[in-house]
Amino acid sequence: MASVVHADPGAVIRGRAETYGRAADGAPRRLALDASCKWGAGGYLSSVADLVRFYLGITGGKLLSPPMAALVLGADADGSLRFGGASEGGRSLVSGNVREGLFVAIAANERAE
């Protein structure tokens, strides 16, 4: 997971996306966002490839036992698991089915309200 970095607002990070929100009139606006104080609750930046690697580590028993992964991620009866989150300036979601071996990661640099 080489792309995961702490969200230091002053760091120069190659390929880093800007974060956006919406002005009162609905127009997109760039956000000067400092999430560095959040640490595990949104204080890291990553790529979708590393989000999938993290998900595979959880669901594959490398980071959590299968029963703990099912508890943390809220497994459905069909084996589907998901995790994600949102804060000002972005959101992400990883979803997949352990039985099928299919996983999808989505990241956006704007959080729609």
Protein backbone atom coordinates (compact mmCIF):
# COMPACT_ATOMS: atom_id res chain seq x y z
CA MET A 1 0.00 0.00 0.00
CA ALA A 2 2.61 2.47 -1.15
CA SER A 3 0.16 5.30 -1.95
CA VAL A 4 -1.19 5.74 1.60
CA VAL A 5 0.10 8.96 3.16
CA HIS A 6 -0.88 11.19 6.06
CA ALA A 7 -3.01 14.11 4.83
CA ASP A 8 -0.44 16.82 5.51
CA PRO A 9 -1.87 19.91 3.77
CA GLY A 10 1.59 21.27 2.99
CA ALA A 11 3.02 18.08 1.50
CA VAL A 12 3.70 17.85 -2.21
CA ILE A 13 2.09 14.58 -3.28
CA ARG A 14 2.40 13.56 -6.93
CA GLY A 15 -1.03 12.93 -8.47
CA ARG A 16 -2.92 14.34 -5.48
CA ALA A 17 -6.47 15.43 -6.35
CA GLU A 18 -7.92 18.69 -5.13
CA THR A 19 -10.98 18.55 -2.89
CA TYR A 20 -14.24 20.22 -3.84
CA GLY A 21 -17.51 21.19 -2.24
CA ARG A 22 -20.49 23.26 -3.33
CA ALA A 23 -21.06 26.98 -2.85
CA ALA A 24 -24.49 28.23 -1.72
CA ASP A 25 -25.51 28.70 -5.36
CA GLY A 26 -24.56 25.09 -6.18
CA ALA A 27 -21.38 25.92 -8.07
CA PRO A 28 -18.34 23.74 -7.37
CA ARG A 29 -15.70 25.36 -5.18
CA ARG A 30 -12.20 24.23 -4.28
CA LEU A 31 -11.75 23.53 -0.59
CA ALA A 32 -8.64 24.40 1.40
CA LEU A 33 -9.04 21.30 3.53
CA ASP A 34 -6.75 20.26 6.37
CA ALA A 35 -7.67 16.73 7.47
CA SER A 36 -4.30 16.06 9.12
CA CYS A 37 -5.81 16.09 12.62
CA LYS A 38 -8.24 13.27 11.79
CA TRP A 39 -5.72 10.41 11.50
CA GLY A 40 -7.78 7.21 11.20
CA ALA A 41 -11.07 9.05 10.63
CA GLY A 42 -10.12 10.55 7.27
CA GLY A 43 -6.62 11.87 7.87
CA TYR A 44 -4.99 9.68 5.23
CA LEU A 45 -4.90 9.85 1.45
CA SER A 46 -4.80 6.76 -0.74
CA SER A 47 -5.43 5.41 -4.22
CA VAL A 48 -8.33 3.15 -5.17
CA ALA A 49 -5.82 0.35 -5.83
CA ASP A 50 -4.62 0.54 -2.23
CA LEU A 51 -8.22 0.69 -0.97
CA VAL A 52 -8.77 -2.66 -2.69
CA ARG A 53 -5.51 -4.03 -1.24
CA PHE A 54 -6.67 -3.01 2.24
CA TYR A 55 -10.07 -4.62 1.62
CA LEU A 56 -8.39 -7.84 0.43
CA GLY A 57 -6.23 -7.83 3.57
CA ILE A 58 -9.34 -7.58 5.73
CA THR A 59 -11.44 -10.12 3.84
CA GLY A 60 -8.55 -12.50 3.18
CA GLY A 61 -7.76 -13.05 6.84
CA LYS A 62 -4.43 -11.16 6.81
CA LEU A 63 -5.60 -8.22 8.94
CA LEU A 64 -8.73 -9.60 10.63
CA SER A 65 -10.13 -13.06 11.20
CA PRO A 66 -13.08 -13.88 8.89
CA PRO A 67 -15.65 -13.64 11.73
CA MET A 68 -14.23 -10.26 12.84
CA ALA A 69 -14.19 -8.96 9.24
CA ALA A 70 -17.85 -9.97 8.86
CA LEU A 71 -18.68 -8.18 12.11
CA VAL A 72 -16.76 -5.00 11.29
CA LEU A 73 -17.87 -4.78 7.66
CA GLY A 74 -21.44 -5.98 8.18
CA ALA A 75 -21.48 -9.08 5.98
CA ASP A 76 -24.67 -9.85 4.12
CA ALA A 77 -25.99 -13.41 3.85
CA ASP A 78 -24.62 -13.67 0.30
CA GLY A 79 -21.03 -12.85 1.37
CA SER A 80 -21.10 -9.18 0.37
CA LEU A 81 -19.01 -6.79 2.45
CA ARG A 82 -18.41 -3.05 2.17
CA PHE A 83 -16.71 -0.13 3.85
CA GLY A 84 -16.29 3.53 3.11
CA GLY A 85 -16.81 6.99 4.40
CA ALA A 86 -17.23 10.62 3.57
CA SER A 87 -16.15 13.97 4.88
CA GLU A 88 -15.98 17.47 3.48
CA GLY A 89 -14.19 17.30 0.16
CA GLY A 90 -14.45 13.61 -0.63
CA ARG A 91 -15.81 10.13 -0.15
CA SER A 92 -14.78 6.55 -0.85
CA LEU A 93 -16.41 3.15 -0.94
CA VAL A 94 -15.09 -0.36 -1.38
CA SER A 95 -17.58 -3.14 -1.92
CA GLY A 96 -17.24 -6.74 -2.91
CA ASN A 97 -18.26 -10.32 -2.53
CA VAL A 98 -15.78 -12.66 -0.90
CA ARG A 99 -17.39 -15.77 -2.39
CA GLU A 100 -17.31 -14.36 -5.92
CA GLY A 101 -13.87 -12.71 -5.55
CA LEU A 102 -15.16 -9.47 -7.08
CA PHE A 103 -14.25 -6.10 -5.53
CA VAL A 104 -14.86 -2.51 -6.60
CA ALA A 105 -13.37 0.70 -5.18
CA ILE A 106 -14.65 4.21 -5.85
CA ALA A 107 -13.13 7.48 -4.68
CA ALA A 108 -14.45 10.97 -5.37
CA ASN A 109 -12.94 14.34 -4.56
CA GLU A 110 -16.32 15.96 -3.93
CA ARG A 111 -18.87 15.04 -1.32
CA ALA A 112 -22.42 15.52 -2.56
CA GLU A 113 -24.85 16.49 0.18
